[in-house]
C-alpha cells in the first residue's frame, strides 16, 4: 500500500511481467492505477540465482481517476551483453550511471530515447505508450524489443 503521492520500486523476475492469469490482472491494474514510468531490465545473477532475469519497476501512486494513470513506460535494457555475478562481478553503484543520467526524475517529460530502429537499434533507452503495451498479448511488459 502506498500513500496517494507515494513512490515505489520493486524487483521482479521476468515471468511476472508476461505470464497470464493473475499476473496479467495485476499488470493491468498497476498500469491503470499508478504511473508505472520506468522498468530497468537487469541481467541474470543480480538479485536471484544464476539464470533468473530480474527487473526493477518504478512507479508513482496517483489519486483515483477515470483514465489510466500510466501514459508511457520507459525501458532501460541493462541486460543485453552485460554480465554480473553475485560473488565475482557484483553490480556496483557506478555500473548503471547511464541509466541514472537518462532517468531524469525531476523532468521525466524531457527524457530522450537512445533506441532507434534504423539509427541506433542497440540503444538501451526506449519508451512505449500505454496503448502499445495494453494491446500486447496479456499486456506483457517484457517483449518490448
Protein backbone atom coordinates (compact mmCIF):
# COMPACT_ATOMS: atom_id res chain seq x y z
CA UNK A 1 0.00 0.00 0.00
CA UNK A 2 1.26 3.44 -0.93
CA UNK A 3 0.14 6.88 0.07
CA UNK A 4 -1.61 8.75 -2.72
CA UNK A 5 1.64 10.55 -3.52
CA UNK A 6 3.89 7.57 -2.75
CA UNK A 7 6.73 6.33 -4.93
CA UNK A 8 8.00 2.76 -5.14
CA UNK A 9 10.49 0.49 -6.86
CA UNK A 10 10.09 -3.27 -6.77
CA UNK A 11 12.26 -6.12 -8.07
CA UNK A 12 10.53 -8.87 -10.02
CA UNK A 13 11.66 -11.85 -12.08
CA UNK A 14 10.84 -11.82 -15.81
CA UNK A 15 7.97 -14.30 -15.69
CA UNK A 16 5.89 -11.94 -13.52
CA UNK A 17 5.93 -9.42 -16.37
CA UNK A 18 4.49 -11.63 -19.11
CA UNK A 19 2.52 -14.55 -17.65
CA UNK A 20 -1.25 -14.60 -17.94
CA UNK A 21 -3.88 -15.09 -15.27
CA UNK A 22 -3.32 -13.20 -12.02
CA UNK A 23 -0.08 -11.69 -13.38
CA UNK A 24 -1.93 -10.04 -16.25
CA UNK A 25 -4.63 -8.76 -13.89
CA UNK A 26 -2.03 -7.20 -11.60
CA UNK A 27 -0.10 -5.62 -14.54
CA UNK A 28 -3.23 -4.05 -15.99
CA UNK A 29 -4.28 -2.73 -12.55
CA UNK A 30 -0.78 -1.31 -11.97
CA UNK A 31 -0.89 0.47 -15.35
CA UNK A 32 -4.35 1.87 -14.64
CA UNK A 33 -3.97 2.98 -11.03
CA UNK A 34 -0.32 4.11 -10.86
CA UNK A 35 2.13 5.86 -13.13
CA UNK A 36 4.39 2.92 -14.00
CA UNK A 37 7.01 5.09 -15.66
CA UNK A 38 10.22 3.06 -15.78
CA UNK A 39 11.38 -0.55 -16.00
CA UNK A 40 15.03 -1.46 -15.59
CA UNK A 41 15.80 -4.82 -17.20
CA UNK A 42 18.66 -6.49 -15.32
CA UNK A 43 20.95 -9.37 -16.32
CA UNK A 44 20.94 -12.70 -14.54
CA UNK A 45 22.73 -13.06 -11.24
CA UNK A 46 21.94 -9.65 -9.72
CA UNK A 47 19.13 -10.44 -7.26
CA UNK A 48 18.28 -14.06 -7.98
CA UNK A 49 20.15 -17.26 -8.78
CA UNK A 50 22.18 -17.51 -11.98
CA UNK A 51 19.85 -17.80 -14.96
CA UNK A 52 16.99 -15.82 -13.40
CA UNK A 53 16.49 -12.43 -15.05
CA UNK A 54 15.23 -9.60 -12.87
CA UNK A 55 13.57 -6.24 -13.46
CA UNK A 56 13.06 -3.18 -11.31
CA UNK A 57 9.70 -1.44 -11.76
CA UNK A 58 9.48 2.23 -10.76
CA UNK A 59 6.05 3.72 -10.22
CA UNK A 60 4.30 6.62 -8.53
CA UNK A 61 0.89 6.34 -6.93
CA UNK A 62 -1.83 8.75 -8.04
CA UNK A 63 -5.30 9.71 -6.81
CA UNK A 64 -8.12 7.69 -8.33
CA UNK A 65 -9.13 8.88 -11.80
CA UNK A 66 -11.37 7.80 -14.65
CA UNK A 67 -8.49 7.26 -17.05
CA UNK A 68 -5.31 5.17 -16.77
CA UNK A 69 -2.52 6.85 -14.80
CA UNK A 70 0.31 5.37 -16.88
CA UNK A 71 0.80 7.27 -20.13
CA UNK A 72 4.09 5.71 -21.22
CA UNK A 73 6.65 3.28 -19.82
CA UNK A 74 10.38 3.77 -20.32
CA UNK A 75 12.55 0.66 -20.54
CA UNK A 76 16.27 0.61 -19.89
CA UNK A 77 17.96 -2.57 -21.12
CA UNK A 78 20.83 -3.14 -18.71
CA UNK A 79 20.75 -6.78 -19.77
CA UNK A 80 21.98 -7.21 -23.34
CA UNK A 81 25.71 -8.00 -23.36
CA UNK A 82 26.03 -7.15 -19.63
CA UNK A 83 27.29 -9.78 -17.22
CA UNK A 84 27.33 -9.70 -13.42
CA UNK A 85 27.54 -12.38 -10.77
CA UNK A 86 26.70 -12.20 -7.08
CA UNK A 87 30.27 -13.05 -6.00
CA UNK A 88 32.85 -12.43 -8.74
CA UNK A 89 31.38 -9.44 -10.56
CA UNK A 90 28.58 -7.90 -8.49
CA UNK A 91 26.67 -4.84 -9.60
CA UNK A 92 28.40 -1.71 -8.28
CA UNK A 93 26.97 1.77 -7.79
CA UNK A 94 28.92 3.14 -10.79
CA UNK A 95 27.67 0.49 -13.25
CA UNK A 96 24.22 1.92 -14.14
CA UNK A 97 25.36 5.57 -14.38
CA UNK A 98 23.97 6.00 -17.91
CA UNK A 99 20.52 4.96 -16.66
CA UNK A 100 20.77 7.43 -13.79
CA UNK A 101 21.53 10.19 -16.31
CA UNK A 102 18.67 9.24 -18.64
CA UNK A 103 16.15 8.55 -15.85
CA UNK A 104 15.81 12.30 -15.10
CA UNK A 105 13.22 12.04 -12.29
CA UNK A 106 12.82 15.79 -11.91
CA UNK A 107 11.89 16.24 -15.59
CA UNK A 108 10.53 12.94 -16.88
CA UNK A 109 8.78 14.76 -19.73
CA UNK A 110 12.24 15.73 -21.08
CA UNK A 111 13.50 12.16 -21.44
CA UNK A 112 15.01 11.27 -24.83
CA UNK A 113 15.16 7.79 -26.33
CA UNK A 114 18.55 6.35 -27.28
CA UNK A 115 16.92 3.49 -29.22
CA UNK A 116 16.00 3.97 -32.88
CA UNK A 117 15.09 1.20 -35.34
CA UNK A 118 17.49 2.36 -38.09
CA UNK A 119 19.89 4.80 -36.40
CA UNK A 120 20.55 3.03 -33.10
CA UNK A 121 18.91 -0.40 -32.73
CA UNK A 122 21.39 -1.12 -29.90
CA UNK A 123 20.13 1.86 -27.86
CA UNK A 124 19.16 0.81 -24.35
CA UNK A 125 16.58 3.53 -23.52
CA UNK A 126 13.18 3.17 -25.16
CA UNK A 127 9.59 4.10 -24.41
CA UNK A 128 6.23 2.54 -25.15
CA UNK A 129 2.82 4.14 -24.79
CA UNK A 130 0.09 2.73 -22.58
CA UNK A 131 -1.81 1.78 -25.75
CA UNK A 132 1.18 -0.10 -27.24
CA UNK A 133 1.53 -2.16 -24.07
CA UNK A 134 -2.13 -2.92 -23.40
CA UNK A 135 -2.76 -4.30 -26.92
CA UNK A 136 0.04 -6.86 -26.49
CA UNK A 137 -0.76 -10.43 -25.60
CA UNK A 138 -1.55 -10.39 -21.86
CA UNK A 139 -0.30 -6.76 -21.64
CA UNK A 140 3.21 -8.20 -21.38
CA UNK A 141 5.94 -5.88 -20.18
CA UNK A 142 8.88 -7.96 -21.41
CA UNK A 143 8.67 -8.38 -25.17
CA UNK A 144 9.45 -4.75 -25.80
CA UNK A 145 12.24 -5.16 -28.28
